[in-house]
Amino acid sequence: MKLVTDLFTERDGVSWCYVRIASLPILGTMLYKFIVAGTADYQGFALGVAAIFASIAFKNQSERDHVQ
């Protein structure tokens, strides 16, 4: 459970990050289509993964630091 919490929460470790949660089924669908469905579109796959990581990075940069 600690691994899931670390992967899907924001910097404070309590608030769930909706971008990371939403990117999981998208990445799963992309992997399925790339591996099982037999599409060998390496460039499209790489662009999709890069877009997912870019959205996560943008969300991380836009987070406010929680002052306690």
C-alpha atoms as a PDB file:
ATOM      1  CA  MET A   1       0.000   0.000   0.000  1.00  0.00           C
ATOM      2  CA  LYS A   2       2.930   2.335   0.658  1.00  0.00           C
ATOM      3  CA  LEU A   3       4.102   1.906  -2.945  1.00  0.00           C
ATOM      4  CA  VAL A   4       0.677   2.855  -4.314  1.00  0.00           C
ATOM      5  CA  THR A   5       0.513   5.843  -1.986  1.00  0.00           C
ATOM      6  CA  ASP A   6       3.976   6.989  -3.046  1.00  0.00           C
ATOM      7  CA  LEU A   7       3.198   6.604  -6.751  1.00  0.00           C
ATOM      8  CA  PHE A   8      -0.205   8.288  -6.838  1.00  0.00           C
ATOM      9  CA  THR A   9      -0.037  11.098  -4.285  1.00  0.00           C
ATOM     10  CA  GLU A  10       1.269  14.623  -4.562  1.00  0.00           C
ATOM     11  CA  ARG A  11       4.316  15.945  -2.720  1.00  0.00           C
ATOM     12  CA  ASP A  12       2.505  16.097   0.609  1.00  0.00           C
ATOM     13  CA  GLY A  13       1.919  12.333   0.525  1.00  0.00           C
ATOM     14  CA  VAL A  14      -1.778  12.713   1.370  1.00  0.00           C
ATOM     15  CA  SER A  15      -3.536  14.336  -1.594  1.00  0.00           C
ATOM     16  CA  TRP A  16      -4.203  11.987  -4.507  1.00  0.00           C
ATOM     17  CA  CYS A  17      -2.874  13.240  -7.854  1.00  0.00           C
ATOM     18  CA  TYR A  18      -5.636  12.895 -10.432  1.00  0.00           C
ATOM     19  CA  VAL A  19      -3.196  13.198 -13.364  1.00  0.00           C
ATOM     20  CA  ARG A  20      -1.187  10.176 -12.205  1.00  0.00           C
ATOM     21  CA  ILE A  21      -4.338   8.174 -11.554  1.00  0.00           C
ATOM     22  CA  ALA A  22      -5.815   9.082 -14.956  1.00  0.00           C
ATOM     23  CA  SER A  23      -2.580   8.261 -16.772  1.00  0.00           C
ATOM     24  CA  LEU A  24      -2.524   4.645 -15.552  1.00  0.00           C
ATOM     25  CA  PRO A  25      -5.387   3.315 -17.742  1.00  0.00           C
ATOM     26  CA  ILE A  26      -4.121   5.378 -20.681  1.00  0.00           C
ATOM     27  CA  LEU A  27      -0.656   3.857 -20.380  1.00  0.00           C
ATOM     28  CA  GLY A  28      -2.179   0.394 -19.981  1.00  0.00           C
ATOM     29  CA  THR A  29      -4.233   0.815 -23.137  1.00  0.00           C
ATOM     30  CA  MET A  30      -1.205   2.040 -25.059  1.00  0.00           C
ATOM     31  CA  LEU A  31       0.871  -0.925 -23.896  1.00  0.00           C
ATOM     32  CA  TYR A  32      -1.898  -3.348 -24.848  1.00  0.00           C
ATOM     33  CA  LYS A  33      -2.286  -1.884 -28.320  1.00  0.00           C
ATOM     34  CA  PHE A  34       1.469  -1.818 -28.833  1.00  0.00           C
ATOM     35  CA  ILE A  35       2.236  -5.352 -27.612  1.00  0.00           C
ATOM     36  CA  VAL A  36      -0.883  -7.445 -28.173  1.00  0.00           C
ATOM     37  CA  ALA A  37      -2.607  -5.774 -31.080  1.00  0.00           C
ATOM     38  CA  GLY A  38       0.605  -5.853 -33.091  1.00  0.00           C
ATOM     39  CA  THR A  39       0.874  -2.245 -34.121  1.00  0.00           C
ATOM     40  CA  ALA A  40       4.537  -1.487 -34.586  1.00  0.00           C
ATOM     41  CA  ASP A  41       4.200   2.283 -34.453  1.00  0.00           C
ATOM     42  CA  TYR A  42       7.256   3.019 -32.346  1.00  0.00           C
ATOM     43  CA  GLN A  43       7.128   6.746 -32.932  1.00  0.00           C
ATOM     44  CA  GLY A  44       3.470   7.024 -31.938  1.00  0.00           C
ATOM     45  CA  PHE A  45       4.052   4.922 -28.833  1.00  0.00           C
ATOM     46  CA  ALA A  46       7.053   7.033 -27.812  1.00  0.00           C
ATOM     47  CA  LEU A  47       5.104  10.251 -28.366  1.00  0.00           C
ATOM     48  CA  GLY A  48       2.223   8.941 -26.252  1.00  0.00           C
ATOM     49  CA  VAL A  49       4.502   7.955 -23.374  1.00  0.00           C
ATOM     50  CA  ALA A  50       6.307  11.302 -23.615  1.00  0.00           C
ATOM     51  CA  ALA A  51       2.969  13.134 -23.505  1.00  0.00           C
ATOM     52  CA  ILE A  52       1.939  11.234 -20.378  1.00  0.00           C
ATOM     53  CA  PHE A  53       5.214  11.980 -18.611  1.00  0.00           C
ATOM     54  CA  ALA A  54       5.093  15.613 -19.724  1.00  0.00           C
ATOM     55  CA  SER A  55       1.613  16.042 -18.270  1.00  0.00           C
ATOM     56  CA  ILE A  56       2.751  14.505 -14.981  1.00  0.00           C
ATOM     57  CA  ALA A  57       5.830  16.768 -14.929  1.00  0.00           C
ATOM     58  CA  PHE A  58       3.711  19.844 -15.672  1.00  0.00           C
ATOM     59  CA  LYS A  59       1.319  18.912 -12.869  1.00  0.00           C
ATOM     60  CA  ASN A  60       4.236  18.465 -10.468  1.00  0.00           C
ATOM     61  CA  GLN A  61       5.630  21.890 -11.372  1.00  0.00           C
ATOM     62  CA  SER A  62       2.267  23.554 -10.902  1.00  0.00           C
ATOM     63  CA  GLU A  63       1.687  22.144  -7.407  1.00  0.00           C
ATOM     64  CA  ARG A  64       1.774  24.574  -4.550  1.00  0.00           C
ATOM     65  CA  ASP A  65       3.950  23.815  -1.589  1.00  0.00           C
ATOM     66  CA  HIS A  66       1.739  23.114   1.373  1.00  0.00           C
ATOM     67  CA  VAL A  67       2.816  25.324   4.252  1.00  0.00           C
ATOM     68  CA  GLN A  68       1.987  23.966   7.658  1.00  0.00           C
END
